[in-house]
């Protein structure tokens, strides 16, 4: 009877030890996976900031080029402007385009470009958020 009890206790201790080791291994695996996820999320956020910088550089250049008339600027058909204040046109770029269109005032151009920049930032944020959700596996696939 004592032998059976000792054998049973040994088997129970062995089972508990195996289960404990399995839990420790699983915990270590989970921590490693979380560290990998955290690294991927950090990289995703760095990528987003890098894309912000590239976007700002792009729009700053477009606006600067518009200010120096390197580009023709944003133009609308003259028919839209009929009845509004005359002489609102920006710098001239020459050619047939000027016969049928009017350049938007510089401040309107710049605000439209900044609006486009804000829109692009929202798109970048949304794509980055989607990637973070995928990395985190928040939802079943």
N, C-alpha and C. Protein backbone atom coordinates (compact mmCIF):
# COMPACT_ATOMS: atom_id res chain seq x y z
N UNK A 1 0.81 -1.17 0.00
CA UNK A 1 0.00 0.00 0.00
C UNK A 1 0.87 1.27 0.00
N UNK A 2 1.91 1.25 0.84
CA UNK A 2 2.83 2.39 0.89
C UNK A 2 3.53 2.57 -0.45
N UNK A 3 3.88 1.45 -1.08
CA UNK A 3 4.54 1.53 -2.38
C UNK A 3 3.64 2.16 -3.41
N UNK A 4 2.40 1.76 -3.42
CA UNK A 4 1.44 2.30 -4.38
C UNK A 4 1.25 3.80 -4.15
N UNK A 5 1.17 4.18 -2.88
CA UNK A 5 1.00 5.59 -2.56
C UNK A 5 2.22 6.39 -2.99
N UNK A 6 3.43 5.86 -2.72
CA UNK A 6 4.67 6.53 -3.11
C UNK A 6 4.76 6.62 -4.63
N UNK A 7 4.37 5.57 -5.34
CA UNK A 7 4.38 5.55 -6.80
C UNK A 7 3.39 6.58 -7.34
N UNK A 8 2.23 6.61 -6.74
CA UNK A 8 1.20 7.57 -7.18
C UNK A 8 1.68 9.01 -6.95
N UNK A 9 2.28 9.28 -5.78
CA UNK A 9 2.78 10.61 -5.48
C UNK A 9 3.91 11.01 -6.43
N UNK A 10 4.79 10.06 -6.78
CA UNK A 10 5.87 10.34 -7.72
C UNK A 10 5.30 10.68 -9.09
N UNK A 11 4.33 9.91 -9.56
CA UNK A 11 3.70 10.18 -10.85
C UNK A 11 3.01 11.55 -10.83
N UNK A 12 2.38 11.88 -9.71
CA UNK A 12 1.69 13.17 -9.60
C UNK A 12 2.70 14.31 -9.63
N UNK A 13 3.82 14.16 -8.92
CA UNK A 13 4.87 15.20 -8.94
C UNK A 13 5.46 15.34 -10.33
N UNK A 14 5.70 14.21 -11.01
CA UNK A 14 6.24 14.24 -12.37
C UNK A 14 5.27 14.97 -13.33
N UNK A 15 3.97 14.67 -13.17
CA UNK A 15 2.96 15.31 -14.02
C UNK A 15 2.94 16.81 -13.77
N UNK A 16 2.96 17.21 -12.50
CA UNK A 16 2.95 18.62 -12.14
C UNK A 16 4.20 19.31 -12.67
N UNK A 17 5.35 18.66 -12.57
CA UNK A 17 6.60 19.21 -13.08
C UNK A 17 6.54 19.39 -14.60
N UNK A 18 6.02 18.39 -15.32
CA UNK A 18 5.89 18.49 -16.78
C UNK A 18 4.95 19.63 -17.17
N UNK A 19 3.84 19.74 -16.47
CA UNK A 19 2.87 20.81 -16.76
C UNK A 19 3.48 22.19 -16.46
N UNK A 20 4.24 22.26 -15.37
CA UNK A 20 4.90 23.53 -15.03
C UNK A 20 5.93 23.93 -16.07
N UNK A 21 6.72 22.96 -16.52
CA UNK A 21 7.71 23.23 -17.56
C UNK A 21 7.04 23.65 -18.86
N UNK A 22 5.93 23.00 -19.18
CA UNK A 22 5.19 23.36 -20.40
C UNK A 22 4.67 24.80 -20.30
N UNK A 23 4.18 25.18 -19.12
CA UNK A 23 3.69 26.54 -18.93
C UNK A 23 4.82 27.56 -19.04
N UNK A 24 5.97 27.23 -18.47
CA UNK A 24 7.12 28.14 -18.55
C UNK A 24 7.56 28.30 -20.01
N UNK A 25 7.61 27.20 -20.75
CA UNK A 25 7.98 27.25 -22.17
C UNK A 25 6.97 28.07 -22.97
N UNK A 26 5.69 27.86 -22.70
CA UNK A 26 4.64 28.60 -23.40
C UNK A 26 4.74 30.08 -23.08
N UNK A 27 4.99 30.41 -21.82
CA UNK A 27 5.14 31.80 -21.41
C UNK A 27 6.33 32.45 -22.12
N UNK A 28 7.44 31.74 -22.19
CA UNK A 28 8.63 32.26 -22.89
C UNK A 28 8.34 32.46 -24.37
N UNK A 29 7.61 31.53 -24.96
CA UNK A 29 7.24 31.64 -26.37
C UNK A 29 6.33 32.86 -26.59
N UNK A 30 5.36 33.03 -25.69
CA UNK A 30 4.46 34.19 -25.79
C UNK A 30 5.22 35.50 -25.67
N UNK A 31 6.16 35.56 -24.73
CA UNK A 31 6.96 36.78 -24.56
C UNK A 31 7.80 37.06 -25.80
N UNK A 32 8.36 36.01 -26.39
CA UNK A 32 9.16 36.19 -27.61
C UNK A 32 8.27 36.70 -28.75
N UNK A 33 7.07 36.13 -28.88
CA UNK A 33 6.15 36.58 -29.93
C UNK A 33 5.73 38.03 -29.71
N UNK A 34 5.48 38.40 -28.45
CA UNK A 34 5.11 39.79 -28.14
C UNK A 34 6.25 40.74 -28.46
N UNK A 35 7.48 40.32 -28.17
CA UNK A 35 8.64 41.16 -28.50
C UNK A 35 8.76 41.35 -30.01
N UNK A 36 8.51 40.30 -30.76
CA UNK A 36 8.55 40.40 -32.23
C UNK A 36 7.46 41.35 -32.71
N UNK A 37 6.25 41.19 -32.18
CA UNK A 37 5.14 42.08 -32.55
C UNK A 37 5.48 43.53 -32.22
N UNK A 38 6.02 43.75 -31.02
CA UNK A 38 6.36 45.11 -30.60
C UNK A 38 7.40 45.72 -31.55
N UNK A 39 8.37 44.91 -31.97
CA UNK A 39 9.38 45.38 -32.91
C UNK A 39 8.77 45.74 -34.26
N UNK A 40 7.84 44.90 -34.72
CA UNK A 40 7.18 45.17 -36.00
C UNK A 40 6.31 46.43 -35.92
N UNK A 41 5.62 46.60 -34.80
CA UNK A 41 4.77 47.79 -34.63
C UNK A 41 5.65 49.04 -34.57
N UNK A 42 6.76 48.95 -33.85
CA UNK A 42 7.69 50.09 -33.77
C UNK A 42 8.20 50.44 -35.16
N UNK A 43 8.55 49.43 -35.95
CA UNK A 43 9.03 49.67 -37.31
C UNK A 43 7.93 50.29 -38.17
N UNK A 44 6.71 49.83 -37.99
CA UNK A 44 5.58 50.39 -38.74
C UNK A 44 5.41 51.88 -38.41
N UNK A 45 5.55 52.22 -37.15
CA UNK A 45 5.43 53.62 -36.74
C UNK A 45 6.58 54.47 -37.28
N UNK A 46 7.78 53.90 -37.30
CA UNK A 46 8.92 54.61 -37.88
C UNK A 46 8.70 54.83 -39.38
N UNK A 47 8.17 53.81 -40.04
CA UNK A 47 7.87 53.94 -41.48
C UNK A 47 6.85 55.05 -41.71
N UNK A 48 5.83 55.12 -40.84
CA UNK A 48 4.81 56.15 -40.97
C UNK A 48 5.44 57.54 -40.83
N UNK A 49 6.30 57.71 -39.85
CA UNK A 49 6.96 59.01 -39.66
C UNK A 49 7.84 59.36 -40.86
N UNK A 50 8.50 58.36 -41.41
CA UNK A 50 9.33 58.58 -42.60
C UNK A 50 8.46 59.01 -43.79
N UNK A 51 7.30 58.37 -43.93
CA UNK A 51 6.39 58.74 -45.02
C UNK A 51 5.85 60.15 -44.80
N UNK A 52 5.59 60.53 -43.54
CA UNK A 52 5.18 61.90 -43.24
C UNK A 52 6.23 62.90 -43.72
N UNK A 53 7.49 62.60 -43.42
CA UNK A 53 8.58 63.49 -43.82
C UNK A 53 8.67 63.63 -45.33
N UNK A 54 8.56 62.51 -46.03
CA UNK A 54 8.61 62.54 -47.50
C UNK A 54 7.44 63.33 -48.05
N UNK A 55 6.28 63.16 -47.45
CA UNK A 55 5.07 63.87 -47.88
C UNK A 55 5.24 65.38 -47.68
N UNK A 56 5.73 65.76 -46.52
CA UNK A 56 5.93 67.19 -46.24
C UNK A 56 6.93 67.78 -47.23
N UNK A 57 8.01 67.09 -47.48
CA UNK A 57 9.01 67.56 -48.44
C UNK A 57 8.38 67.74 -49.82
N UNK A 58 7.58 66.77 -50.22
CA UNK A 58 6.92 66.82 -51.53
C UNK A 58 6.03 68.06 -51.65
N UNK A 59 5.15 68.25 -50.67
CA UNK A 59 4.21 69.38 -50.76
C UNK A 59 4.90 70.72 -50.54
N UNK A 60 5.93 70.77 -49.69
CA UNK A 60 6.68 72.02 -49.53
C UNK A 60 7.34 72.41 -50.85
N UNK A 61 7.85 71.42 -51.57
CA UNK A 61 8.48 71.70 -52.87
C UNK A 61 7.44 72.18 -53.88
N UNK A 62 6.29 71.54 -53.92
CA UNK A 62 5.23 71.96 -54.85
C UNK A 62 4.81 73.39 -54.56
N UNK A 63 4.64 73.71 -53.28
CA UNK A 63 4.22 75.06 -52.91
C UNK A 63 5.32 76.07 -53.24
N UNK A 64 6.55 75.73 -52.94
CA UNK A 64 7.66 76.63 -53.26
C UNK A 64 7.76 76.84 -54.77
N UNK A 65 7.60 75.78 -55.54
CA UNK A 65 7.64 75.90 -57.00
C UNK A 65 6.50 76.78 -57.50
N UNK A 66 5.34 76.68 -56.87
CA UNK A 66 4.20 77.52 -57.23
C UNK A 66 4.47 78.98 -56.92
N UNK A 67 5.14 79.23 -55.81
CA UNK A 67 5.46 80.61 -55.42
C UNK A 67 6.44 81.24 -56.39
N UNK A 68 7.36 80.45 -56.92
CA UNK A 68 8.36 81.00 -57.84
C UNK A 68 7.95 80.82 -59.29
N UNK A 69 6.73 80.36 -59.50
CA UNK A 69 6.17 80.15 -60.85
C UNK A 69 6.97 79.16 -61.69
N UNK A 70 7.65 78.22 -61.02
CA UNK A 70 8.31 77.14 -61.76
C UNK A 70 7.26 76.24 -62.37
N UNK A 71 6.17 76.06 -61.64
CA UNK A 71 5.05 75.31 -62.20
C UNK A 71 3.95 76.31 -62.53
N UNK A 72 3.07 75.96 -63.41
CA UNK A 72 2.03 76.88 -63.86
C UNK A 72 0.97 77.16 -62.83
N UNK A 73 0.95 76.43 -61.76
CA UNK A 73 -0.05 76.64 -60.73
C UNK A 73 -1.36 75.92 -61.06
N UNK A 74 -2.26 76.01 -60.13
CA UNK A 74 -3.57 75.39 -60.33
C UNK A 74 -4.44 76.36 -61.11
N UNK A 75 -5.11 75.84 -62.11
CA UNK A 75 -5.90 76.69 -62.99
C UNK A 75 -7.32 76.16 -63.07
N UNK A 76 -8.26 77.07 -63.30
CA UNK A 76 -9.67 76.72 -63.49
C UNK A 76 -10.16 77.41 -64.76
N UNK A 77 -11.22 76.87 -65.37
CA UNK A 77 -11.76 77.53 -66.56
C UNK A 77 -12.22 78.95 -66.23
N UNK A 78 -11.98 79.88 -67.17
CA UNK A 78 -12.37 81.28 -66.95
C UNK A 78 -13.88 81.42 -66.76
N UNK A 79 -14.65 80.51 -67.35
CA UNK A 79 -16.10 80.61 -67.23
C UNK A 79 -16.55 80.51 -65.77
N UNK A 80 -15.79 79.82 -64.94
CA UNK A 80 -16.12 79.70 -63.53
C UNK A 80 -15.97 81.04 -62.83
N UNK A 81 -15.02 81.84 -63.28
CA UNK A 81 -14.68 83.09 -62.61
C UNK A 81 -15.51 84.28 -63.08
N UNK A 82 -16.31 84.12 -64.11
CA UNK A 82 -17.09 85.25 -64.61
C UNK A 82 -18.02 85.77 -63.51
N UNK A 83 -18.03 87.07 -63.35
CA UNK A 83 -18.87 87.68 -62.34
C UNK A 83 -18.17 87.88 -61.01
N UNK A 84 -16.98 87.31 -60.86
CA UNK A 84 -16.21 87.52 -59.64
C UNK A 84 -15.19 88.61 -59.87
N UNK A 85 -14.44 88.91 -58.86
CA UNK A 85 -13.45 89.98 -58.94
C UNK A 85 -12.47 89.74 -60.07
N UNK A 86 -12.25 90.78 -60.85
CA UNK A 86 -11.30 90.68 -61.95
C UNK A 86 -9.89 90.91 -61.42
N UNK A 87 -8.93 90.40 -62.15
CA UNK A 87 -7.53 90.63 -61.79
C UNK A 87 -7.05 89.77 -60.63
N UNK A 88 -7.70 88.62 -60.40
CA UNK A 88 -7.31 87.74 -59.31
C UNK A 88 -6.24 86.75 -59.76
N UNK A 89 -5.91 86.78 -61.04
CA UNK A 89 -5.01 85.78 -61.60
C UNK A 89 -3.62 85.87 -60.99
N UNK A 90 -2.96 84.73 -60.97
CA UNK A 90 -1.60 84.66 -60.46
C UNK A 90 -0.63 84.97 -61.58
N UNK A 91 0.62 84.57 -61.39
CA UNK A 91 1.66 84.82 -62.38
C UNK A 91 1.36 84.11 -63.69
N UNK A 92 1.76 84.71 -64.77
CA UNK A 92 1.47 84.18 -66.11
C UNK A 92 2.49 83.12 -66.49
N UNK A 93 2.00 82.07 -67.20
CA UNK A 93 2.90 81.03 -67.70
C UNK A 93 2.93 81.03 -69.22
N UNK A 94 2.10 81.85 -69.85
CA UNK A 94 2.09 81.96 -71.31
C UNK A 94 1.40 80.79 -71.97
N UNK A 95 1.12 80.92 -73.28
CA UNK A 95 0.53 79.84 -74.04
C UNK A 95 -0.98 79.94 -74.14
N UNK A 96 -1.57 78.96 -74.83
CA UNK A 96 -3.01 78.93 -75.05
C UNK A 96 -3.82 78.67 -73.79
N UNK A 97 -3.21 78.07 -72.81
CA UNK A 97 -3.90 77.76 -71.57
C UNK A 97 -4.47 79.03 -70.95
N UNK A 98 -3.75 80.12 -71.06
CA UNK A 98 -4.18 81.37 -70.43
C UNK A 98 -5.40 81.98 -71.09
N UNK A 99 -5.69 81.61 -72.31
CA UNK A 99 -6.86 82.15 -72.99
C UNK A 99 -8.16 81.57 -72.41
N UNK A 100 -8.09 80.34 -71.92
CA UNK A 100 -9.31 79.66 -71.46
C UNK A 100 -9.35 79.41 -69.96
N UNK A 101 -8.21 79.63 -69.28
CA UNK A 101 -8.18 79.34 -67.85
C UNK A 101 -7.62 80.52 -67.06
N UNK A 102 -7.85 80.45 -65.76
CA UNK A 102 -7.34 81.46 -64.82
C UNK A 102 -6.62 80.72 -63.71
N UNK A 103 -5.46 81.23 -63.34
CA UNK A 103 -4.73 80.62 -62.23
C UNK A 103 -5.40 81.02 -60.93
N UNK A 104 -5.52 80.06 -60.05
CA UNK A 104 -6.08 80.34 -58.73
C UNK A 104 -5.14 81.26 -57.95
N UNK A 105 -5.67 82.07 -57.07
CA UNK A 105 -4.79 82.89 -56.22
C UNK A 105 -3.85 81.99 -55.43
N UNK A 106 -2.68 82.51 -55.17
CA UNK A 106 -1.63 81.72 -54.52
C UNK A 106 -2.08 81.16 -53.18
N UNK A 107 -2.78 81.95 -52.36
CA UNK A 107 -3.18 81.45 -51.04
C UNK A 107 -4.19 80.30 -51.17
N UNK A 108 -5.05 80.36 -52.19
CA UNK A 108 -6.00 79.27 -52.42
C UNK A 108 -5.25 78.02 -52.86
N UNK A 109 -4.28 78.21 -53.75
CA UNK A 109 -3.44 77.08 -54.19
C UNK A 109 -2.78 76.39 -53.01
N UNK A 110 -2.16 77.21 -52.17
CA UNK A 110 -1.42 76.65 -51.03
C UNK A 110 -2.35 75.92 -50.08
N UNK A 111 -3.53 76.48 -49.83
CA UNK A 111 -4.48 75.80 -48.95
C UNK A 111 -4.96 74.49 -49.57
N UNK A 112 -5.15 74.45 -50.87
CA UNK A 112 -5.55 73.20 -51.53
C UNK A 112 -4.44 72.15 -51.44
N UNK A 113 -3.19 72.59 -51.62
CA UNK A 113 -2.08 71.64 -51.49
C UNK A 113 -1.97 71.13 -50.05
N UNK A 114 -2.16 72.00 -49.07
CA UNK A 114 -2.11 71.56 -47.66
C UNK A 114 -3.28 70.62 -47.35
N UNK A 115 -4.42 70.89 -47.95
CA UNK A 115 -5.56 69.99 -47.79
C UNK A 115 -5.22 68.61 -48.36
N UNK A 116 -4.59 68.60 -49.54
CA UNK A 116 -4.18 67.32 -50.14
C UNK A 116 -3.15 66.62 -49.26
N UNK A 117 -2.25 67.40 -48.67
CA UNK A 117 -1.25 66.82 -47.76
C UNK A 117 -1.93 66.19 -46.55
N UNK A 118 -2.91 66.91 -45.97
CA UNK A 118 -3.65 66.35 -44.84
C UNK A 118 -4.38 65.07 -45.23
N UNK A 119 -4.96 65.07 -46.40
CA UNK A 119 -5.66 63.87 -46.88
C UNK A 119 -4.68 62.71 -47.00
N UNK A 120 -3.51 62.97 -47.56
CA UNK A 120 -2.51 61.91 -47.70
C UNK A 120 -2.04 61.40 -46.34
N UNK A 121 -1.95 62.29 -45.35
CA UNK A 121 -1.56 61.87 -44.00
C UNK A 121 -2.63 60.94 -43.41
N UNK A 122 -3.89 61.26 -43.65
CA UNK A 122 -4.98 60.41 -43.16
C UNK A 122 -4.89 59.03 -43.79
N UNK A 123 -4.58 58.98 -45.07
CA UNK A 123 -4.44 57.69 -45.76
C UNK A 123 -3.26 56.91 -45.16
N UNK A 124 -2.15 57.60 -44.92
CA UNK A 124 -0.99 56.95 -44.31
C UNK A 124 -1.35 56.41 -42.92
N UNK A 125 -2.05 57.24 -42.12
CA UNK A 125 -2.46 56.80 -40.78
C UNK A 125 -3.35 55.56 -40.85
N UNK A 126 -4.29 55.57 -41.77
CA UNK A 126 -5.22 54.44 -41.91
C UNK A 126 -4.47 53.17 -42.30
N UNK A 127 -3.59 53.27 -43.28
CA UNK A 127 -2.82 52.09 -43.71
C UNK A 127 -1.92 51.59 -42.59
N UNK A 128 -1.31 52.51 -41.86
CA UNK A 128 -0.45 52.13 -40.74
C UNK A 128 -1.26 51.44 -39.65
N UNK A 129 -2.44 51.99 -39.35
CA UNK A 129 -3.31 51.38 -38.34
C UNK A 129 -3.72 49.97 -38.77
N UNK A 130 -4.08 49.80 -40.05
CA UNK A 130 -4.44 48.46 -40.54
C UNK A 130 -3.28 47.49 -40.35
N UNK A 131 -2.07 47.94 -40.65
CA UNK A 131 -0.90 47.07 -40.50
C UNK A 131 -0.66 46.73 -39.03
N UNK A 132 -0.85 47.70 -38.14
CA UNK A 132 -0.67 47.42 -36.71
C UNK A 132 -1.70 46.42 -36.21
N UNK A 133 -2.92 46.52 -36.69
CA UNK A 133 -3.97 45.56 -36.30
C UNK A 133 -3.60 44.18 -36.80
N UNK A 134 -3.12 44.09 -38.04
CA UNK A 134 -2.70 42.78 -38.57
C UNK A 134 -1.54 42.21 -37.77
N UNK A 135 -0.57 43.05 -37.45
CA UNK A 135 0.59 42.58 -36.67
C UNK A 135 0.15 42.09 -35.31
N UNK A 136 -0.75 42.82 -34.68
CA UNK A 136 -1.22 42.47 -33.34
C UNK A 136 -2.18 41.29 -33.35
N UNK A 137 -2.67 40.95 -34.51
CA UNK A 137 -3.64 39.86 -34.67
C UNK A 137 -4.85 40.09 -33.77
N UNK A 138 -5.38 41.31 -33.84
CA UNK A 138 -6.54 41.67 -33.02
C UNK A 138 -7.80 40.96 -33.47
N UNK A 139 -7.86 40.62 -34.74
CA UNK A 139 -9.05 39.99 -35.29
C UNK A 139 -8.64 38.69 -35.96
N UNK A 140 -9.53 37.74 -35.94
CA UNK A 140 -9.27 36.47 -36.62
C UNK A 140 -9.25 36.71 -38.12
N UNK A 141 -8.38 36.02 -38.80
CA UNK A 141 -8.28 36.19 -40.26
C UNK A 141 -9.15 35.23 -40.98
